[in-house]
Amino acid sequence: MVACPLCTNEGTRQRWAGVPDRLFRMTTKRFDLNACPACGTTFVHPAPAADELAALYPEQYWVGPPDREAEAGLMARLLERYRRFVLRDHVRFVRRVIDDQRRAGAQIAVLDVGCGDGSFLDALGERGGVGMDLSEPALRAVERRGFRGVRGTLDDCPLEPGSFSLVTAFHFLEHVRPPEVALAAMRRLLAPGGELVLQVPNRRSVQAILFGAGWAGHDVPRHLINYSPETLRALLERSGFEIVAETKRSLRDNPALLAASLAPRLYPPARMAHLQGPDGLGGAICNVLFLGVTLACMPLSWIEQCIGRGASVMVRARPRA
């Protein structure tokens, strides 16, 4: 019997067998996804060991040059502008938290966990922000954007408890197991009155149901646990948080997840992870093609959001007194 990593029910069963690394193609090994009939969670079983899992992330995972680099080409600058545009749902959601904290007289200090290249911190514009990641290339990009980069995990980071008014973690929690440990570490980093903003793929979205194991939001084997809005809320409540707000809107993620499910070989982060040299004209064509697929996916992703089944779920939560 295999216990569910969220609700500990031991009656889980195999849902999909022999699922490949379809998106990043870092391994030829195949993995199984189990499902919990009690809470609806799906999860990789057996979960890769820590050293194996680290090798499944390419060096350039979620890294791209910021447009202020002198050496950045036209395509890099256009990509940066596109990312700035599609991050507006994230920025708007988080800006409400910061505005509320400022009205309450709090000193604003933002930590972005799993920050990648710092695109979100840059779009948010809070210049004292800190980005945490394990990738050295990502942290170099963060520092080029003018933010402090911290290499490490929530368990071993050199950050003082109670240092931040806001901790954000976009598409991070699905990568860690057990998630309760990560949430406890985030809570320790929050100052009194601090809040947490989390985003994960929504396994109950329309596109997740349509594509099954081939949905890009499953990103086997890097996504160890796949959440629904209900299981995410239950996890946060068990971990001592109360939910303040929730949205399934994401201009950056929802259409792109559908596009990556349809055309995984065109997906820019995965394609760039395998580059051995300059991208050139071929890479520019692939980027334009993927953008076209993403734009074509926007109507369906909009319909998903309207019926409450958007491909990602973002929540605002605060520690309970």
C-alpha atoms as a PDB file:
ATOM      1  CA  MET A   1       0.000   0.000   0.000  1.00  0.00           C
ATOM      2  CA  VAL A   2       1.239   3.494  -0.887  1.00  0.00           C
ATOM      3  CA  ALA A   3       0.203   6.390   1.359  1.00  0.00           C
ATOM      4  CA  CYS A   4      -0.963   9.702  -0.117  1.00  0.00           C
ATOM      5  CA  PRO A   5       1.652  12.396   0.616  1.00  0.00           C
ATOM      6  CA  LEU A   6      -1.076  14.884   1.533  1.00  0.00           C
ATOM      7  CA  CYS A   7      -3.865  13.091   3.385  1.00  0.00           C
ATOM      8  CA  THR A   8      -1.929   9.851   4.303  1.00  0.00           C
ATOM      9  CA  ASN A   9      -4.716   7.639   2.957  1.00  0.00           C
ATOM     10  CA  GLU A  10      -3.139   4.272   2.160  1.00  0.00           C
ATOM     11  CA  GLY A  11      -5.646   3.272  -0.506  1.00  0.00           C
ATOM     12  CA  THR A  12      -3.924   5.045  -3.396  1.00  0.00           C
ATOM     13  CA  ARG A  13      -3.642   3.302  -6.723  1.00  0.00           C
ATOM     14  CA  GLN A  14      -1.644   3.640  -9.896  1.00  0.00           C
ATOM     15  CA  ARG A  15      -3.297   6.087 -12.292  1.00  0.00           C
ATOM     16  CA  TRP A  16      -0.750   6.249 -15.128  1.00  0.00           C
ATOM     17  CA  ALA A  17       2.189   3.885 -15.638  1.00  0.00           C
ATOM     18  CA  GLY A  18       5.452   4.474 -17.476  1.00  0.00           C
ATOM     19  CA  VAL A  19       5.141   8.230 -17.957  1.00  0.00           C
ATOM     20  CA  PRO A  20       8.213   9.741 -19.720  1.00  0.00           C
ATOM     21  CA  ASP A  21       9.922  13.075 -19.124  1.00  0.00           C
ATOM     22  CA  ARG A  22       7.932  14.555 -21.980  1.00  0.00           C
ATOM     23  CA  LEU A  23       8.763  18.205 -21.451  1.00  0.00           C
ATOM     24  CA  PHE A  24      12.473  18.570 -20.669  1.00  0.00           C
ATOM     25  CA  ARG A  25      13.667  15.089 -21.782  1.00  0.00           C
ATOM     26  CA  MET A  26      16.412  14.945 -19.131  1.00  0.00           C
ATOM     27  CA  THR A  27      16.100  11.166 -18.739  1.00  0.00           C
ATOM     28  CA  THR A  28      14.827   8.136 -20.645  1.00  0.00           C
ATOM     29  CA  LYS A  29      13.534   6.609 -17.422  1.00  0.00           C
ATOM     30  CA  ARG A  30       9.773   6.346 -17.021  1.00  0.00           C
ATOM     31  CA  PHE A  31       7.739   7.074 -13.912  1.00  0.00           C
ATOM     32  CA  ASP A  32       4.364   6.121 -12.452  1.00  0.00           C
ATOM     33  CA  LEU A  33       1.710   8.523 -11.213  1.00  0.00           C
ATOM     34  CA  ASN A  34      -0.490   7.318  -8.357  1.00  0.00           C
ATOM     35  CA  ALA A  35      -3.876   8.812  -7.449  1.00  0.00           C
ATOM     36  CA  CYS A  36      -5.567   9.155  -4.075  1.00  0.00           C
ATOM     37  CA  PRO A  37      -9.320   8.433  -4.168  1.00  0.00           C
ATOM     38  CA  ALA A  38      -9.810  10.190  -0.836  1.00  0.00           C
ATOM     39  CA  CYS A  39      -8.486  13.672  -1.676  1.00  0.00           C
ATOM     40  CA  GLY A  40      -7.821  13.482  -5.422  1.00  0.00           C
ATOM     41  CA  THR A  41      -4.074  14.115  -5.238  1.00  0.00           C
ATOM     42  CA  THR A  42      -1.801  12.564  -7.856  1.00  0.00           C
ATOM     43  CA  PHE A  43       1.885  12.068  -7.172  1.00  0.00           C
ATOM     44  CA  VAL A  44       5.024  10.480  -8.607  1.00  0.00           C
ATOM     45  CA  HIS A  45       5.669   7.040  -7.112  1.00  0.00           C
ATOM     46  CA  PRO A  46       8.273   6.167  -6.206  1.00  0.00           C
ATOM     47  CA  ALA A  47       9.582   9.704  -5.820  1.00  0.00           C
ATOM     48  CA  PRO A  48      13.121  10.110  -7.216  1.00  0.00           C
ATOM     49  CA  ALA A  49      15.898  10.298  -4.640  1.00  0.00           C
ATOM     50  CA  ALA A  50      17.305  13.779  -3.978  1.00  0.00           C
ATOM     51  CA  ASP A  51      20.481  13.274  -6.031  1.00  0.00           C
ATOM     52  CA  GLU A  52      18.533  11.760  -8.939  1.00  0.00           C
ATOM     53  CA  LEU A  53      15.992  14.578  -8.825  1.00  0.00           C
ATOM     54  CA  ALA A  54      18.699  17.260  -8.927  1.00  0.00           C
ATOM     55  CA  ALA A  55      20.071  15.748 -12.143  1.00  0.00           C
ATOM     56  CA  LEU A  56      16.622  16.047 -13.765  1.00  0.00           C
ATOM     57  CA  TYR A  57      16.765  19.848 -13.766  1.00  0.00           C
ATOM     58  CA  PRO A  58      18.700  21.385 -16.668  1.00  0.00           C
ATOM     59  CA  GLU A  59      21.211  24.084 -15.819  1.00  0.00           C
ATOM     60  CA  GLN A  60      19.131  26.683 -17.676  1.00  0.00           C
ATOM     61  CA  TYR A  61      15.829  25.717 -16.009  1.00  0.00           C
ATOM     62  CA  TRP A  62      13.644  28.858 -16.145  1.00  0.00           C
ATOM     63  CA  VAL A  63      16.590  31.141 -16.889  1.00  0.00           C
ATOM     64  CA  GLY A  64      16.692  33.856 -19.516  1.00  0.00           C
ATOM     65  CA  PRO A  65      18.773  37.027 -19.889  1.00  0.00           C
ATOM     66  CA  PRO A  66      17.169  40.295 -18.737  1.00  0.00           C
ATOM     67  CA  ASP A  67      16.770  42.921 -21.418  1.00  0.00           C
ATOM     68  CA  ARG A  68      19.177  45.364 -19.732  1.00  0.00           C
ATOM     69  CA  GLU A  69      22.146  43.137 -20.603  1.00  0.00           C
ATOM     70  CA  ALA A  70      24.290  44.821 -23.253  1.00  0.00           C
ATOM     71  CA  GLU A  71      24.919  41.490 -24.958  1.00  0.00           C
ATOM     72  CA  ALA A  72      21.261  40.451 -25.122  1.00  0.00           C
ATOM     73  CA  GLY A  73      19.929  40.117 -28.669  1.00  0.00           C
ATOM     74  CA  LEU A  74      16.644  41.229 -30.150  1.00  0.00           C
ATOM     75  CA  MET A  75      14.878  37.928 -29.415  1.00  0.00           C
ATOM     76  CA  ALA A  76      15.971  38.014 -25.751  1.00  0.00           C
ATOM     77  CA  ARG A  77      14.658  41.569 -25.400  1.00  0.00           C
ATOM     78  CA  LEU A  78      11.341  40.664 -27.014  1.00  0.00           C
ATOM     79  CA  LEU A  79      11.026  37.615 -24.758  1.00  0.00           C
ATOM     80  CA  GLU A  80      11.652  39.803 -21.707  1.00  0.00           C
ATOM     81  CA  ARG A  81       8.944  42.235 -22.759  1.00  0.00           C
ATOM     82  CA  TYR A  82       6.526  39.386 -23.362  1.00  0.00           C
ATOM     83  CA  ARG A  83       7.210  37.961 -19.903  1.00  0.00           C
ATOM     84  CA  ARG A  84       6.738  41.369 -18.319  1.00  0.00           C
ATOM     85  CA  PHE A  85       3.362  41.659 -20.076  1.00  0.00           C
ATOM     86  CA  VAL A  86       2.024  38.217 -19.106  1.00  0.00           C
ATOM     87  CA  LEU A  87       3.154  38.557 -15.461  1.00  0.00           C
ATOM     88  CA  ARG A  88       0.559  41.252 -14.863  1.00  0.00           C
ATOM     89  CA  ASP A  89      -1.919  38.855 -13.172  1.00  0.00           C
ATOM     90  CA  HIS A  90       0.807  37.821 -10.711  1.00  0.00           C
ATOM     91  CA  VAL A  91       1.850  41.412 -10.078  1.00  0.00           C
ATOM     92  CA  ARG A  92      -1.746  42.598  -9.601  1.00  0.00           C
ATOM     93  CA  PHE A  93      -2.498  39.794  -7.116  1.00  0.00           C
ATOM     94  CA  VAL A  94       0.672  40.401  -5.087  1.00  0.00           C
ATOM     95  CA  ARG A  95       0.389  44.181  -5.290  1.00  0.00           C
ATOM     96  CA  ARG A  96      -2.897  43.973  -3.345  1.00  0.00           C
ATOM     97  CA  VAL A  97      -1.048  42.240  -0.500  1.00  0.00           C
ATOM     98  CA  ILE A  98       1.723  44.841  -0.472  1.00  0.00           C
ATOM     99  CA  ASP A  99      -0.759  47.743  -0.605  1.00  0.00           C
ATOM    100  CA  ASP A 100      -2.668  46.292   2.365  1.00  0.00           C
ATOM    101  CA  GLN A 101       0.572  45.873   4.299  1.00  0.00           C
ATOM    102  CA  ARG A 102       1.668  49.435   3.549  1.00  0.00           C
ATOM    103  CA  ARG A 103      -1.671  50.797   4.741  1.00  0.00           C
ATOM    104  CA  ALA A 104      -1.127  48.837   7.971  1.00  0.00           C
ATOM    105  CA  GLY A 105       2.291  50.461   8.382  1.00  0.00           C
ATOM    106  CA  ALA A 106       4.367  47.355   7.689  1.00  0.00           C
ATOM    107  CA  GLN A 107       7.887  47.530   6.336  1.00  0.00           C
ATOM    108  CA  ILE A 108       7.816  45.729   2.991  1.00  0.00           C
ATOM    109  CA  ALA A 109      10.355  42.965   2.405  1.00  0.00           C
ATOM    110  CA  VAL A 110       9.671  40.342  -0.287  1.00  0.00           C
ATOM    111  CA  LEU A 111      11.238  36.898  -0.682  1.00  0.00           C
ATOM    112  CA  ASP A 112      10.539  34.957  -3.886  1.00  0.00           C
ATOM    113  CA  VAL A 113      11.252  31.238  -3.358  1.00  0.00           C
ATOM    114  CA  GLY A 114      12.223  29.351  -6.509  1.00  0.00           C
ATOM    115  CA  CYS A 115      12.732  32.728  -8.169  1.00  0.00           C
ATOM    116  CA  GLY A 116      14.250  31.522 -11.458  1.00  0.00           C
ATOM    117  CA  ASP A 117      15.827  34.441 -13.287  1.00  0.00           C
ATOM    118  CA  GLY A 118      14.034  37.082 -11.204  1.00  0.00           C
ATOM    119  CA  SER A 119      11.420  38.047 -13.804  1.00  0.00           C
ATOM    120  CA  PHE A 120       8.675  38.345 -11.195  1.00  0.00           C
ATOM    121  CA  LEU A 121      10.735  40.427  -8.767  1.00  0.00           C
ATOM    122  CA  ASP A 122      11.642  42.755 -11.611  1.00  0.00           C
ATOM    123  CA  ALA A 123       8.015  43.093 -12.739  1.00  0.00           C
ATOM    124  CA  LEU A 124       6.849  43.695  -9.148  1.00  0.00           C
ATOM    125  CA  GLY A 125       9.384  46.485  -8.736  1.00  0.00           C
ATOM    126  CA  GLU A 126      10.039  46.222  -4.978  1.00  0.00           C
ATOM    127  CA  ARG A 127      13.744  46.953  -5.072  1.00  0.00           C
ATOM    128  CA  GLY A 128      14.577  45.356  -1.714  1.00  0.00           C
ATOM    129  CA  GLY A 129      13.335  41.984  -2.904  1.00  0.00           C
ATOM    130  CA  VAL A 130      15.316  38.770  -2.436  1.00  0.00           C
ATOM    131  CA  GLY A 131      15.282  35.744  -4.736  1.00  0.00           C
ATOM    132  CA  MET A 132      16.082  32.212  -3.583  1.00  0.00           C
ATOM    133  CA  ASP A 133      16.994  29.404  -5.969  1.00  0.00           C
ATOM    134  CA  LEU A 134      19.395  26.480  -6.322  1.00  0.00           C
ATOM    135  CA  SER A 135      20.514  27.415  -9.827  1.00  0.00           C
ATOM    136  CA  GLU A 136      23.669  29.525 -10.019  1.00  0.00           C
ATOM    137  CA  PRO A 137      22.877  30.805 -13.565  1.00  0.00           C
ATOM    138  CA  ALA A 138      19.427  31.842 -12.319  1.00  0.00           C
ATOM    139  CA  LEU A 139      20.866  33.720  -9.355  1.00  0.00           C
ATOM    140  CA  ARG A 140      23.386  35.497 -11.571  1.00  0.00           C
ATOM    141  CA  ALA A 141      20.438  36.718 -13.655  1.00  0.00           C
ATOM    142  CA  VAL A 142      18.635  37.807 -10.454  1.00  0.00           C
ATOM    143  CA  GLU A 143      21.636  39.851  -9.361  1.00  0.00           C
ATOM    144  CA  ARG A 144      21.987  41.418 -12.818  1.00  0.00           C
ATOM    145  CA  ARG A 145      18.445  42.668 -12.349  1.00  0.00           C
ATOM    146  CA  GLY A 146      19.521  44.428  -9.148  1.00  0.00           C
ATOM    147  CA  PHE A 147      18.160  42.024  -6.527  1.00  0.00           C
ATOM    148  CA  ARG A 148      19.873  39.941  -3.886  1.00  0.00           C
ATOM    149  CA  GLY A 149      20.134  36.274  -4.833  1.00  0.00           C
ATOM    150  CA  VAL A 150      20.375  33.549  -2.192  1.00  0.00           C
ATOM    151  CA  ARG A 151      21.472  30.053  -3.163  1.00  0.00           C
ATOM    152  CA  GLY A 152      19.995  27.320  -1.022  1.00  0.00           C
ATOM    153  CA  THR A 153      16.815  25.690   0.154  1.00  0.00           C
ATOM    154  CA  LEU A 154      14.330  26.722   2.796  1.00  0.00           C
ATOM    155  CA  ASP A 155      16.050  24.316   5.180  1.00  0.00           C
ATOM    156  CA  ASP A 156      19.562  25.739   4.881  1.00  0.00           C
ATOM    157  CA  CYS A 157      19.175  29.346   3.699  1.00  0.00           C
ATOM    158  CA  PRO A 158      21.123  32.086   5.521  1.00  0.00           C
ATOM    159  CA  LEU A 159      18.010  34.198   6.124  1.00  0.00           C
ATOM    160  CA  GLU A 160      16.888  35.393   9.528  1.00  0.00           C
ATOM    161  CA  PRO A 161      13.492  34.237  10.858  1.00  0.00           C
ATOM    162  CA  GLY A 162      10.868  36.955  10.726  1.00  0.00           C
ATOM    163  CA  SER A 163      12.705  38.876   7.996  1.00  0.00           C
ATOM    164  CA  PHE A 164       9.959  39.205   5.381  1.00  0.00           C
ATOM    165  CA  SER A 165       6.525  40.747   5.179  1.00  0.00           C
ATOM    166  CA  LEU A 166       5.732  38.600   2.125  1.00  0.00           C
ATOM    167  CA  VAL A 167       6.981  35.245   0.842  1.00  0.00           C
ATOM    168  CA  THR A 168       5.985  34.244  -2.688  1.00  0.00           C
ATOM    169  CA  ALA A 169       6.460  30.831  -4.298  1.00  0.00           C
ATOM    170  CA  PHE A 170       5.188  30.417  -7.866  1.00  0.00           C
ATOM    171  CA  HIS A 171       5.202  26.844  -9.176  1.00  0.00           C
ATOM    172  CA  PHE A 172       7.470  25.734  -6.348  1.00  0.00           C
ATOM    173  CA  LEU A 173       5.406  23.665  -3.919  1.00  0.00           C
ATOM    174  CA  GLU A 174       4.733  20.881  -6.442  1.00  0.00           C
ATOM    175  CA  HIS A 175       8.511  20.285  -6.587  1.00  0.00           C
ATOM    176  CA  VAL A 176       8.958  19.512  -2.870  1.00  0.00           C
ATOM    177  CA  ARG A 177       7.993  16.636  -0.621  1.00  0.00           C
ATOM    178  CA  PRO A 178       6.889  16.734   2.129  1.00  0.00           C
ATOM    179  CA  PRO A 179       5.324  20.160   1.513  1.00  0.00           C
ATOM    180  CA  GLU A 180       4.559  20.714   5.210  1.00  0.00           C
ATOM    181  CA  VAL A 181       8.281  21.185   5.888  1.00  0.00           C
ATOM    182  CA  ALA A 182       8.552  23.899   3.220  1.00  0.00           C
ATOM    183  CA  LEU A 183       5.456  25.689   4.518  1.00  0.00           C
ATOM    184  CA  ALA A 184       6.768  25.608   8.088  1.00  0.00           C
ATOM    185  CA  ALA A 185      10.048  27.158   6.890  1.00  0.00           C
ATOM    186  CA  MET A 186       8.166  29.885   4.992  1.00  0.00           C
ATOM    187  CA  ARG A 187       6.118  30.638   8.092  1.00  0.00           C
ATOM    188  CA  ARG A 188       9.291  31.066  10.173  1.00  0.00           C
ATOM    189  CA  LEU A 189      10.581  33.625   7.679  1.00  0.00           C
ATOM    190  CA  LEU A 190       7.446  35.778   7.948  1.00  0.00           C
ATOM    191  CA  ALA A 191       7.417  38.811  10.198  1.00  0.00           C
ATOM    192  CA  PRO A 192       4.332  39.461  12.354  1.00  0.00           C
ATOM    193  CA  GLY A 193       1.508  40.350   9.990  1.00  0.00           C
ATOM    194  CA  GLY A 194       3.362  38.691   7.100  1.00  0.00           C
ATOM    195  CA  GLU A 195       1.597  36.781   4.338  1.00  0.00           C
ATOM    196  CA  LEU A 196       2.246  34.060   1.809  1.00  0.00           C
ATOM    197  CA  VAL A 197       1.356  33.882  -1.900  1.00  0.00           C
ATOM    198  CA  LEU A 198       1.551  30.449  -3.542  1.00  0.00           C
ATOM    199  CA  GLN A 199       0.786  29.241  -7.059  1.00  0.00           C
ATOM    200  CA  VAL A 200       0.631  25.653  -8.332  1.00  0.00           C
ATOM    201  CA  PRO A 201      -0.760  23.946 -11.454  1.00  0.00           C
ATOM    202  CA  ASN A 202      -4.400  22.940 -11.048  1.00  0.00           C
ATOM    203  CA  ARG A 203      -4.855  19.243 -11.700  1.00  0.00           C
ATOM    204  CA  ARG A 204      -8.636  19.739 -11.873  1.00  0.00           C
ATOM    205  CA  SER A 205      -8.395  22.152 -14.795  1.00  0.00           C
ATOM    206  CA  VAL A 206     -10.065  21.359 -18.103  1.00  0.00           C
ATOM    207  CA  GLN A 207      -6.750  20.889 -19.894  1.00  0.00           C
ATOM    208  CA  ALA A 208      -5.432  18.574 -17.165  1.00  0.00           C
ATOM    209  CA  ILE A 209      -8.464  16.341 -17.670  1.00  0.00           C
ATOM    210  CA  LEU A 210      -8.120  16.438 -21.461  1.00  0.00           C
ATOM    211  CA  PHE A 211      -4.402  15.578 -21.591  1.00  0.00           C
ATOM    212  CA  GLY A 212      -4.090  13.254 -18.586  1.00  0.00           C
ATOM    213  CA  ALA A 213      -0.507  12.142 -18.004  1.00  0.00           C
ATOM    214  CA  GLY A 214       0.605  14.206 -21.001  1.00  0.00           C
ATOM    215  CA  TRP A 215      -0.470  17.504 -19.461  1.00  0.00           C
ATOM    216  CA  ALA A 216       2.498  19.869 -19.127  1.00  0.00           C
ATOM    217  CA  GLY A 217       1.341  20.811 -15.635  1.00  0.00           C
ATOM    218  CA  HIS A 218       2.261  17.324 -14.445  1.00  0.00           C
ATOM    219  CA  ASP A 219       5.852  17.843 -15.676  1.00  0.00           C
ATOM    220  CA  VAL A 220       6.860  14.299 -14.707  1.00  0.00           C
ATOM    221  CA  PRO A 221       9.118  13.651 -12.813  1.00  0.00           C
ATOM    222  CA  ARG A 222       9.939  17.130 -11.438  1.00  0.00           C
ATOM    223  CA  HIS A 223       6.428  17.767 -10.117  1.00  0.00           C
ATOM    224  CA  LEU A 224       6.288  15.334  -7.220  1.00  0.00           C
ATOM    225  CA  ILE A 225       2.766  16.254  -6.044  1.00  0.00           C
ATOM    226  CA  ASN A 226      -0.084  17.562  -8.192  1.00  0.00           C
ATOM    227  CA  TYR A 227      -2.596  19.771  -6.377  1.00  0.00           C
ATOM    228  CA  SER A 228      -6.191  20.742  -6.827  1.00  0.00           C
ATOM    229  CA  PRO A 229      -7.536  23.946  -5.250  1.00  0.00           C
ATOM    230  CA  GLU A 230      -9.166  21.812  -2.551  1.00  0.00           C
ATOM    231  CA  THR A 231      -6.010  19.911  -1.614  1.00  0.00           C
ATOM    232  CA  LEU A 232      -3.933  23.103  -1.613  1.00  0.00           C
ATOM    233  CA  ARG A 233      -6.394  24.812   0.717  1.00  0.00           C
ATOM    234  CA  ALA A 234      -6.521  21.775   3.009  1.00  0.00           C
ATOM    235  CA  LEU A 235      -2.719  21.596   3.166  1.00  0.00           C
ATOM    236  CA  LEU A 236      -2.413  25.280   4.054  1.00  0.00           C
ATOM    237  CA  GLU A 237      -5.071  25.018   6.748  1.00  0.00           C
ATOM    238  CA  ARG A 238      -3.370  21.982   8.296  1.00  0.00           C
ATOM    239  CA  SER A 239      -0.106  23.918   8.236  1.00  0.00           C
ATOM    240  CA  GLY A 240      -1.531  26.780  10.282  1.00  0.00           C
ATOM    241  CA  PHE A 241      -2.563  29.231   7.547  1.00  0.00           C
ATOM    242  CA  GLU A 242      -5.891  30.806   6.698  1.00  0.00           C
ATOM    243  CA  ILE A 243      -6.822  31.571   3.084  1.00  0.00           C
ATOM    244  CA  VAL A 244      -7.440  35.244   2.338  1.00  0.00           C
ATOM    245  CA  ALA A 245      -7.932  35.168  -1.445  1.00  0.00           C
ATOM    246  CA  GLU A 246      -7.714  32.763  -4.383  1.00  0.00           C
ATOM    247  CA  THR A 247      -7.593  33.109  -8.171  1.00  0.00           C
ATOM    248  CA  LYS A 248      -7.287  30.758 -11.115  1.00  0.00           C
ATOM    249  CA  ARG A 249      -6.352  33.554 -13.513  1.00  0.00           C
ATOM    250  CA  SER A 250      -2.846  33.533 -14.953  1.00  0.00           C
ATOM    251  CA  LEU A 251      -2.063  35.058 -18.324  1.00  0.00           C
ATOM    252  CA  ARG A 252       1.511  33.784 -18.044  1.00  0.00           C
ATOM    253  CA  ASP A 253       0.828  30.173 -17.091  1.00  0.00           C
ATOM    254  CA  ASN A 254      -2.593  28.996 -18.220  1.00  0.00           C
ATOM    255  CA  PRO A 255      -2.252  29.419 -22.016  1.00  0.00           C
ATOM    256  CA  ALA A 256       1.427  28.370 -21.908  1.00  0.00           C
ATOM    257  CA  LEU A 257       0.632  25.112 -20.092  1.00  0.00           C
ATOM    258  CA  LEU A 258      -1.900  24.229 -22.775  1.00  0.00           C
ATOM    259  CA  ALA A 259       0.550  25.189 -25.532  1.00  0.00           C
ATOM    260  CA  ALA A 260       3.340  23.124 -23.937  1.00  0.00           C
ATOM    261  CA  SER A 261       0.969  20.132 -23.736  1.00  0.00           C
ATOM    262  CA  LEU A 262       0.224  20.445 -27.455  1.00  0.00           C
ATOM    263  CA  ALA A 263       3.775  21.259 -28.637  1.00  0.00           C
ATOM    264  CA  PRO A 264       6.325  20.228 -25.973  1.00  0.00           C
ATOM    265  CA  ARG A 265       9.284  20.378 -28.394  1.00  0.00           C
ATOM    266  CA  LEU A 266       8.601  24.068 -29.050  1.00  0.00           C
ATOM    267  CA  TYR A 267       8.359  24.998 -25.346  1.00  0.00           C
ATOM    268  CA  PRO A 268      11.132  27.640 -24.998  1.00  0.00           C
ATOM    269  CA  PRO A 269      12.525  26.743 -21.508  1.00  0.00           C
ATOM    270  CA  ALA A 270      12.730  23.058 -22.442  1.00  0.00           C
ATOM    271  CA  ARG A 271      14.161  23.748 -25.881  1.00  0.00           C
ATOM    272  CA  MET A 272      16.771  26.158 -24.546  1.00  0.00           C
ATOM    273  CA  ALA A 273      17.808  23.583 -21.939  1.00  0.00           C
ATOM    274  CA  HIS A 274      19.147  21.387 -24.757  1.00  0.00           C
ATOM    275  CA  LEU A 275      20.976  24.059 -26.742  1.00  0.00           C
ATOM    276  CA  GLN A 276      24.642  23.377 -27.340  1.00  0.00           C
ATOM    277  CA  GLY A 277      25.381  26.691 -29.033  1.00  0.00           C
ATOM    278  CA  PRO A 278      23.769  29.880 -30.355  1.00  0.00           C
ATOM    279  CA  ASP A 279      20.061  29.656 -30.999  1.00  0.00           C
ATOM    280  CA  GLY A 280      20.090  31.652 -34.224  1.00  0.00           C
ATOM    281  CA  LEU A 281      17.309  31.927 -36.749  1.00  0.00           C
ATOM    282  CA  GLY A 282      15.957  28.446 -36.025  1.00  0.00           C
ATOM    283  CA  GLY A 283      15.428  29.311 -32.383  1.00  0.00           C
ATOM    284  CA  ALA A 284      13.698  32.558 -33.295  1.00  0.00           C
ATOM    285  CA  ILE A 285      11.321  30.662 -35.586  1.00  0.00           C
ATOM    286  CA  CYS A 286      10.562  28.135 -32.821  1.00  0.00           C
ATOM    287  CA  ASN A 287       9.831  30.962 -30.373  1.00  0.00           C
ATOM    288  CA  VAL A 288       7.474  32.626 -32.827  1.00  0.00           C
ATOM    289  CA  LEU A 289       5.718  29.303 -33.497  1.00  0.00           C
ATOM    290  CA  PHE A 290       5.283  28.649 -29.772  1.00  0.00           C
ATOM    291  CA  LEU A 291       3.948  32.167 -29.291  1.00  0.00           C
ATOM    292  CA  GLY A 292       1.431  31.474 -32.042  1.00  0.00           C
ATOM    293  CA  VAL A 293       0.300  28.255 -30.354  1.00  0.00           C
ATOM    294  CA  THR A 294       0.045  30.091 -27.016  1.00  0.00           C
ATOM    295  CA  LEU A 295      -2.082  32.864 -28.514  1.00  0.00           C
ATOM    296  CA  ALA A 296      -4.340  30.252 -30.120  1.00  0.00           C
ATOM    297  CA  CYS A 297      -4.746  28.611 -26.673  1.00  0.00           C
ATOM    298  CA  MET A 298      -5.892  31.812 -24.962  1.00  0.00           C
ATOM    299  CA  PRO A 299      -9.627  31.428 -25.729  1.00  0.00           C
ATOM    300  CA  LEU A 300      -9.780  27.965 -24.104  1.00  0.00           C
ATOM    301  CA  SER A 301      -7.740  29.094 -21.117  1.00  0.00           C
ATOM    302  CA  TRP A 302     -10.103  32.058 -20.718  1.00  0.00           C
ATOM    303  CA  ILE A 303     -13.105  29.721 -20.765  1.00  0.00           C
ATOM    304  CA  GLU A 304     -11.409  27.509 -18.162  1.00  0.00           C
ATOM    305  CA  GLN A 305     -10.969  30.502 -15.882  1.00  0.00           C
ATOM    306  CA  CYS A 306     -14.593  31.612 -16.342  1.00  0.00           C
ATOM    307  CA  ILE A 307     -15.909  28.238 -15.163  1.00  0.00           C
ATOM    308  CA  GLY A 308     -13.452  28.039 -12.254  1.00  0.00           C
ATOM    309  CA  ARG A 309     -11.189  25.441 -13.872  1.00  0.00           C
ATOM    310  CA  GLY A 310      -8.130  27.523 -14.771  1.00  0.00           C
ATOM    311  CA  ALA A 311      -4.865  25.644 -15.273  1.00  0.00           C
ATOM    312  CA  SER A 312      -3.237  27.170 -12.199  1.00  0.00           C
ATOM    313  CA  VAL A 313      -4.399  28.258  -8.770  1.00  0.00           C
ATOM    314  CA  MET A 314      -2.880  31.121  -6.796  1.00  0.00           C
ATOM    315  CA  VAL A 315      -3.691  31.753  -3.135  1.00  0.00           C
ATOM    316  CA  ARG A 316      -2.984  34.427  -0.566  1.00  0.00           C
ATOM    317  CA  ALA A 317      -2.699  33.123   2.975  1.00  0.00           C
ATOM    318  CA  ARG A 318      -1.651  34.348   6.410  1.00  0.00           C
ATOM    319  CA  PRO A 319      -0.608  32.464   9.528  1.00  0.00           C
ATOM    320  CA  ARG A 320      -3.420  31.874  11.985  1.00  0.00           C
ATOM    321  CA  ALA A 321      -3.001  33.556  15.333  1.00  0.00           C
END
